[in-house]
Amino acid sequence: DVQLQASGGGFVQAGGSLRLSCAASGFSFDRFTIGWFRQAPGKEREGVSFIRPSDDDETYYLDSVAGRFTISSDSTTNAVYLQMNSLKPEDTAVYFCAADYTLIPRAMGTYKGDGMDIRGKGTLVTVSS
């Protein structure tokens, strides 16, 4: 069964940190672009950060998170991680991970459709001011 399982969300004060995990099962993600979207209530979905391990770990970051968030992958655990530091109230959203075989990271970051190859359920991140 091919799936992505996100975890690590929670409640944190502004300036704090959280680490999200996205565990892949049923497939090897090395040749996929994999990473995180987020959606806050009443707002459009945003592509937050993506990585493509087979392309020298090519990455993409949303401008507003660059320098604060770091994405990484671990082939031994078949998981992708998003370390989120210096969190701000505007980072509050449901974060979900997704993977696609065709889209490269920067294309995944600006993708507005719902045709990702694999999409997991979300995890809620709440940042208080």
N, C-alpha and C. Protein backbone atom coordinates (compact mmCIF):
# COMPACT_ATOMS: atom_id res chain seq x y z
N ASP A 1 0.86 -1.19 0.00
CA ASP A 1 0.00 0.00 0.00
C ASP A 1 0.90 1.24 0.00
N VAL A 2 0.76 2.07 -1.05
CA VAL A 2 1.58 3.28 -1.18
C VAL A 2 0.96 4.39 -0.35
N GLN A 3 1.75 4.94 0.56
CA GLN A 3 1.22 6.04 1.35
C GLN A 3 2.31 6.89 1.96
N LEU A 4 1.91 8.11 2.37
CA LEU A 4 2.76 9.04 3.10
C LEU A 4 2.09 9.34 4.42
N GLN A 5 2.86 9.29 5.48
CA GLN A 5 2.32 9.54 6.82
C GLN A 5 3.07 10.70 7.45
N ALA A 6 2.35 11.79 7.69
CA ALA A 6 2.96 12.97 8.29
C ALA A 6 2.78 12.96 9.80
N SER A 7 3.75 13.50 10.50
CA SER A 7 3.68 13.62 11.95
C SER A 7 4.57 14.76 12.41
N GLY A 8 4.42 15.16 13.65
CA GLY A 8 5.30 16.16 14.22
C GLY A 8 4.68 17.53 14.43
N GLY A 9 3.45 17.70 14.01
CA GLY A 9 2.80 18.98 14.23
C GLY A 9 2.51 19.20 15.71
N GLY A 10 2.11 20.42 16.04
CA GLY A 10 1.80 20.71 17.43
C GLY A 10 1.62 22.19 17.64
N PHE A 11 1.66 22.56 18.93
CA PHE A 11 1.48 23.94 19.34
C PHE A 11 2.81 24.47 19.85
N VAL A 12 3.19 25.65 19.38
CA VAL A 12 4.46 26.24 19.80
C VAL A 12 4.32 27.75 19.83
N GLN A 13 5.10 28.39 20.68
CA GLN A 13 5.10 29.84 20.72
C GLN A 13 5.97 30.40 19.61
N ALA A 14 5.70 31.62 19.22
CA ALA A 14 6.50 32.29 18.20
C ALA A 14 7.98 32.25 18.60
N GLY A 15 8.82 31.96 17.62
CA GLY A 15 10.24 31.83 17.86
C GLY A 15 10.69 30.42 18.15
N GLY A 16 9.72 29.53 18.38
CA GLY A 16 10.04 28.15 18.69
C GLY A 16 10.30 27.31 17.45
N SER A 17 10.49 26.01 17.68
CA SER A 17 10.84 25.09 16.60
C SER A 17 9.96 23.85 16.65
N LEU A 18 9.76 23.26 15.50
CA LEU A 18 9.11 21.97 15.35
C LEU A 18 9.81 21.22 14.23
N ARG A 19 9.72 19.89 14.28
CA ARG A 19 10.27 19.07 13.21
C ARG A 19 9.15 18.16 12.71
N LEU A 20 8.82 18.33 11.44
CA LEU A 20 7.82 17.47 10.81
C LEU A 20 8.50 16.28 10.15
N SER A 21 7.83 15.14 10.20
CA SER A 21 8.32 13.94 9.53
C SER A 21 7.29 13.47 8.51
N CYS A 22 7.77 12.95 7.40
CA CYS A 22 6.90 12.36 6.39
C CYS A 22 7.48 10.99 6.05
N ALA A 23 6.81 9.96 6.53
CA ALA A 23 7.28 8.59 6.32
C ALA A 23 6.61 8.00 5.09
N ALA A 24 7.43 7.52 4.17
CA ALA A 24 6.92 6.90 2.95
C ALA A 24 6.89 5.39 3.11
N SER A 25 5.82 4.77 2.67
CA SER A 25 5.73 3.31 2.69
C SER A 25 5.15 2.81 1.38
N GLY A 26 5.59 1.64 0.98
CA GLY A 26 5.09 1.04 -0.25
C GLY A 26 5.81 1.50 -1.50
N PHE A 27 6.76 2.42 -1.35
CA PHE A 27 7.54 2.86 -2.50
C PHE A 27 8.82 3.50 -1.98
N SER A 28 9.80 3.59 -2.87
CA SER A 28 11.06 4.25 -2.54
C SER A 28 11.03 5.64 -3.12
N PHE A 29 11.19 6.64 -2.28
CA PHE A 29 10.96 8.01 -2.74
C PHE A 29 12.16 8.64 -3.44
N ASP A 30 13.27 7.92 -3.54
CA ASP A 30 14.50 8.53 -4.05
C ASP A 30 14.32 9.22 -5.40
N ARG A 31 13.51 8.66 -6.26
CA ARG A 31 13.35 9.24 -7.60
C ARG A 31 12.15 10.18 -7.69
N PHE A 32 11.54 10.48 -6.57
CA PHE A 32 10.41 11.39 -6.54
C PHE A 32 10.83 12.75 -5.99
N THR A 33 10.06 13.76 -6.33
CA THR A 33 10.11 15.01 -5.60
C THR A 33 9.13 14.86 -4.45
N ILE A 34 9.58 15.15 -3.24
CA ILE A 34 8.74 14.94 -2.08
C ILE A 34 8.90 16.11 -1.12
N GLY A 35 7.84 16.48 -0.47
CA GLY A 35 7.93 17.58 0.47
C GLY A 35 6.58 18.02 0.98
N TRP A 36 6.49 19.32 1.30
CA TRP A 36 5.38 19.81 2.10
C TRP A 36 4.62 20.96 1.45
N PHE A 37 3.30 20.85 1.50
CA PHE A 37 2.39 21.95 1.24
C PHE A 37 1.80 22.35 2.59
N ARG A 38 1.22 23.54 2.63
CA ARG A 38 0.46 23.94 3.81
C ARG A 38 -0.76 24.74 3.38
N GLN A 39 -1.78 24.69 4.23
CA GLN A 39 -2.98 25.48 3.96
C GLN A 39 -3.56 25.97 5.27
N ALA A 40 -3.67 27.29 5.36
CA ALA A 40 -4.27 27.93 6.52
C ALA A 40 -5.74 28.20 6.22
N PRO A 41 -6.57 28.31 7.25
CA PRO A 41 -8.00 28.58 7.04
C PRO A 41 -8.21 29.84 6.21
N GLY A 42 -9.01 29.72 5.17
CA GLY A 42 -9.35 30.87 4.35
C GLY A 42 -8.27 31.31 3.39
N LYS A 43 -7.19 30.56 3.32
CA LYS A 43 -6.08 30.93 2.44
C LYS A 43 -5.80 29.85 1.41
N GLU A 44 -5.12 30.26 0.35
CA GLU A 44 -4.74 29.29 -0.68
C GLU A 44 -3.62 28.37 -0.17
N ARG A 45 -3.58 27.20 -0.75
CA ARG A 45 -2.50 26.28 -0.44
C ARG A 45 -1.16 26.86 -0.91
N GLU A 46 -0.11 26.60 -0.14
CA GLU A 46 1.24 27.04 -0.51
C GLU A 46 2.18 25.84 -0.55
N GLY A 47 3.07 25.85 -1.52
CA GLY A 47 4.14 24.87 -1.53
C GLY A 47 5.25 25.38 -0.63
N VAL A 48 5.58 24.65 0.43
CA VAL A 48 6.53 25.12 1.43
C VAL A 48 7.97 24.72 1.10
N SER A 49 8.20 23.45 0.92
CA SER A 49 9.57 22.99 0.66
C SER A 49 9.54 21.59 0.08
N PHE A 50 10.44 21.35 -0.88
CA PHE A 50 10.50 20.07 -1.55
C PHE A 50 11.94 19.67 -1.81
N ILE A 51 12.15 18.36 -1.92
CA ILE A 51 13.49 17.83 -2.17
C ILE A 51 13.38 16.69 -3.17
N ARG A 52 14.42 16.52 -3.99
CA ARG A 52 14.47 15.42 -4.94
C ARG A 52 15.80 14.71 -4.74
N PRO A 53 15.82 13.66 -3.94
CA PRO A 53 17.08 13.00 -3.57
C PRO A 53 17.91 12.52 -4.77
N SER A 54 17.27 12.08 -5.84
CA SER A 54 18.02 11.53 -6.97
C SER A 54 18.73 12.61 -7.76
N ASP A 55 18.38 13.87 -7.60
CA ASP A 55 18.99 14.99 -8.33
C ASP A 55 19.87 15.79 -7.39
N ASP A 56 20.81 15.11 -6.76
CA ASP A 56 21.73 15.77 -5.82
C ASP A 56 20.98 16.57 -4.77
N ASP A 57 19.87 16.01 -4.32
CA ASP A 57 19.08 16.67 -3.27
C ASP A 57 18.67 18.09 -3.66
N GLU A 58 18.27 18.28 -4.91
CA GLU A 58 17.76 19.59 -5.32
C GLU A 58 16.60 19.95 -4.41
N THR A 59 16.56 21.22 -3.97
CA THR A 59 15.53 21.64 -3.03
C THR A 59 14.83 22.91 -3.52
N TYR A 60 13.67 23.15 -2.93
CA TYR A 60 12.90 24.37 -3.13
C TYR A 60 12.39 24.83 -1.78
N TYR A 61 12.40 26.15 -1.57
CA TYR A 61 11.80 26.75 -0.38
C TYR A 61 10.93 27.93 -0.78
N LEU A 62 9.77 28.00 -0.15
CA LEU A 62 8.93 29.19 -0.26
C LEU A 62 9.73 30.37 0.29
N ASP A 63 9.64 31.52 -0.35
CA ASP A 63 10.45 32.67 0.08
C ASP A 63 10.29 32.98 1.55
N SER A 64 9.07 32.89 2.05
CA SER A 64 8.81 33.31 3.43
C SER A 64 9.37 32.33 4.47
N VAL A 65 9.82 31.14 4.05
CA VAL A 65 10.38 30.19 5.01
C VAL A 65 11.88 29.98 4.78
N ALA A 66 12.41 30.46 3.68
CA ALA A 66 13.83 30.28 3.37
C ALA A 66 14.67 30.88 4.49
N GLY A 67 15.66 30.12 4.94
CA GLY A 67 16.52 30.56 6.03
C GLY A 67 16.00 30.15 7.41
N ARG A 68 14.74 29.75 7.48
CA ARG A 68 14.18 29.31 8.76
C ARG A 68 13.86 27.81 8.76
N PHE A 69 13.47 27.30 7.60
CA PHE A 69 13.11 25.88 7.47
C PHE A 69 14.20 25.15 6.70
N THR A 70 14.42 23.88 7.06
CA THR A 70 15.39 23.05 6.35
C THR A 70 14.77 21.69 6.07
N ILE A 71 14.79 21.28 4.82
CA ILE A 71 14.26 19.97 4.44
C ILE A 71 15.41 19.00 4.25
N SER A 72 15.19 17.75 4.63
CA SER A 72 16.20 16.72 4.47
C SER A 72 15.52 15.38 4.22
N SER A 73 16.28 14.45 3.66
CA SER A 73 15.74 13.12 3.42
C SER A 73 16.68 12.07 3.98
N ASP A 74 16.14 10.93 4.33
CA ASP A 74 16.93 9.84 4.87
C ASP A 74 16.47 8.54 4.22
N SER A 75 17.30 8.01 3.34
CA SER A 75 16.91 6.80 2.62
C SER A 75 16.85 5.57 3.52
N THR A 76 17.55 5.61 4.64
CA THR A 76 17.54 4.44 5.53
C THR A 76 16.20 4.32 6.25
N THR A 77 15.55 5.45 6.49
CA THR A 77 14.24 5.43 7.14
C THR A 77 13.11 5.67 6.15
N ASN A 78 13.46 5.94 4.89
CA ASN A 78 12.47 6.25 3.84
C ASN A 78 11.56 7.38 4.30
N ALA A 79 12.20 8.43 4.81
CA ALA A 79 11.43 9.55 5.35
C ALA A 79 12.06 10.87 4.96
N VAL A 80 11.23 11.91 4.96
CA VAL A 80 11.66 13.28 4.72
C VAL A 80 11.30 14.09 5.95
N TYR A 81 12.18 15.01 6.29
CA TYR A 81 11.99 15.81 7.50
C TYR A 81 11.99 17.29 7.15
N LEU A 82 11.20 18.07 7.90
CA LEU A 82 11.20 19.52 7.75
C LEU A 82 11.46 20.12 9.12
N GLN A 83 12.66 20.64 9.30
CA GLN A 83 13.01 21.33 10.54
C GLN A 83 12.56 22.77 10.41
N MET A 84 11.69 23.19 11.30
CA MET A 84 11.12 24.54 11.23
C MET A 84 11.58 25.31 12.46
N ASN A 85 12.39 26.32 12.22
CA ASN A 85 12.90 27.16 13.31
C ASN A 85 12.33 28.58 13.19
N SER A 86 12.46 29.34 14.26
CA SER A 86 11.99 30.73 14.27
C SER A 86 10.57 30.83 13.75
N LEU A 87 9.71 29.97 14.25
CA LEU A 87 8.34 29.93 13.76
C LEU A 87 7.59 31.22 14.06
N LYS A 88 6.70 31.57 13.14
CA LYS A 88 5.90 32.79 13.24
C LYS A 88 4.42 32.42 13.23
N PRO A 89 3.57 33.28 13.78
CA PRO A 89 2.13 32.99 13.75
C PRO A 89 1.62 32.72 12.34
N GLU A 90 2.19 33.38 11.35
CA GLU A 90 1.74 33.17 9.97
C GLU A 90 2.14 31.81 9.40
N ASP A 91 2.92 31.04 10.15
CA ASP A 91 3.24 29.67 9.74
C ASP A 91 2.14 28.69 10.16
N THR A 92 1.18 29.18 10.93
CA THR A 92 0.08 28.32 11.37
C THR A 92 -0.72 27.81 10.18
N ALA A 93 -0.84 26.49 10.09
CA ALA A 93 -1.54 25.86 8.96
C ALA A 93 -1.57 24.35 9.16
N VAL A 94 -2.35 23.68 8.33
CA VAL A 94 -2.24 22.23 8.20
C VAL A 94 -1.16 21.96 7.17
N TYR A 95 -0.18 21.18 7.54
CA TYR A 95 0.92 20.82 6.66
C TYR A 95 0.70 19.37 6.21
N PHE A 96 0.79 19.14 4.91
CA PHE A 96 0.71 17.77 4.42
C PHE A 96 1.84 17.51 3.43
N CYS A 97 2.28 16.27 3.39
CA CYS A 97 3.36 15.93 2.48
C CYS A 97 2.81 15.26 1.22
N ALA A 98 3.54 15.43 0.15
CA ALA A 98 3.12 14.90 -1.14
C ALA A 98 4.36 14.53 -1.93
N ALA A 99 4.17 13.64 -2.89
CA ALA A 99 5.28 13.20 -3.73
C ALA A 99 4.82 13.13 -5.18
N ASP A 100 5.73 13.45 -6.07
CA ASP A 100 5.43 13.37 -7.49
C ASP A 100 6.67 12.92 -8.26
N TYR A 101 6.48 12.02 -9.22
CA TYR A 101 7.62 11.49 -9.97
C TYR A 101 8.10 12.46 -11.04
N THR A 102 7.19 13.26 -11.58
CA THR A 102 7.51 14.11 -12.74
C THR A 102 7.97 15.52 -12.37
N LEU A 103 7.28 16.14 -11.44
CA LEU A 103 7.57 17.54 -11.11
C LEU A 103 8.90 17.67 -10.39
N ILE A 104 9.70 18.66 -10.80
CA ILE A 104 10.93 18.98 -10.07
C ILE A 104 10.57 19.87 -8.89
N PRO A 105 11.48 20.04 -7.93
CA PRO A 105 11.12 20.77 -6.72
C PRO A 105 10.52 22.16 -6.94
N ARG A 106 11.12 22.98 -7.82
CA ARG A 106 10.57 24.34 -7.96
C ARG A 106 9.21 24.31 -8.65
N ALA A 107 8.96 23.32 -9.47
CA ALA A 107 7.65 23.18 -10.11
C ALA A 107 6.63 22.69 -9.08
N MET A 108 7.06 21.80 -8.23
CA MET A 108 6.17 21.30 -7.17
C MET A 108 5.79 22.44 -6.24
N GLY A 109 6.74 23.35 -5.99
CA GLY A 109 6.49 24.46 -5.08
C GLY A 109 5.42 25.41 -5.56
N THR A 110 5.26 25.54 -6.86
CA THR A 110 4.28 26.46 -7.42
C THR A 110 3.08 25.73 -8.02
N TYR A 111 3.01 24.44 -7.83
CA TYR A 111 1.93 23.63 -8.40
C TYR A 111 0.62 23.93 -7.71
N LYS A 112 -0.41 24.21 -8.50
CA LYS A 112 -1.71 24.57 -7.94
C LYS A 112 -2.77 23.49 -8.12
N GLY A 113 -2.43 22.43 -8.81
CA GLY A 113 -3.40 21.38 -9.07
C GLY A 113 -3.49 20.38 -7.93
N ASP A 114 -4.27 19.34 -8.15
CA ASP A 114 -4.45 18.27 -7.17
C ASP A 114 -3.99 16.93 -7.71
N GLY A 115 -3.14 16.97 -8.74
CA GLY A 115 -2.74 15.74 -9.40
C GLY A 115 -1.43 15.15 -8.94
N MET A 116 -0.98 15.47 -7.71
CA MET A 116 0.25 14.87 -7.22
C MET A 116 0.09 13.35 -7.18
N ASP A 117 1.17 12.65 -7.46
CA ASP A 117 1.10 11.20 -7.50
C ASP A 117 0.65 10.60 -6.17
N ILE A 118 1.21 11.13 -5.09
CA ILE A 118 0.90 10.59 -3.77
C ILE A 118 0.71 11.77 -2.82
N ARG A 119 -0.32 11.71 -2.01
CA ARG A 119 -0.59 12.77 -1.05
C ARG A 119 -0.98 12.15 0.28
N GLY A 120 -0.37 12.66 1.34
CA GLY A 120 -0.69 12.16 2.67
C GLY A 120 -1.68 13.06 3.39
N LYS A 121 -2.12 12.61 4.54
CA LYS A 121 -2.98 13.44 5.37
C LYS A 121 -2.14 14.49 6.08
N GLY A 122 -2.77 15.51 6.59
CA GLY A 122 -2.06 16.64 7.16
C GLY A 122 -1.78 16.52 8.65
N THR A 123 -0.91 17.41 9.09
CA THR A 123 -0.64 17.56 10.52
C THR A 123 -0.71 19.05 10.83
N LEU A 124 -1.37 19.40 11.94
CA LEU A 124 -1.63 20.79 12.25
C LEU A 124 -0.45 21.41 13.00
N VAL A 125 -0.02 22.58 12.54
CA VAL A 125 0.99 23.38 13.21
C VAL A 125 0.33 24.68 13.65
N THR A 126 0.40 24.97 14.94
CA THR A 126 -0.18 26.19 15.49
C THR A 126 0.91 26.97 16.20
N VAL A 127 1.12 28.22 15.77
CA VAL A 127 2.14 29.08 16.36
C VAL A 127 1.44 30.26 17.01
N SER A 128 1.62 30.39 18.30
CA SER A 128 0.97 31.48 19.02
C SER A 128 1.89 32.69 19.10
N SER A 129 1.28 33.86 19.16
CA SER A 129 2.07 35.11 19.21
C SER A 129 2.42 35.47 20.63
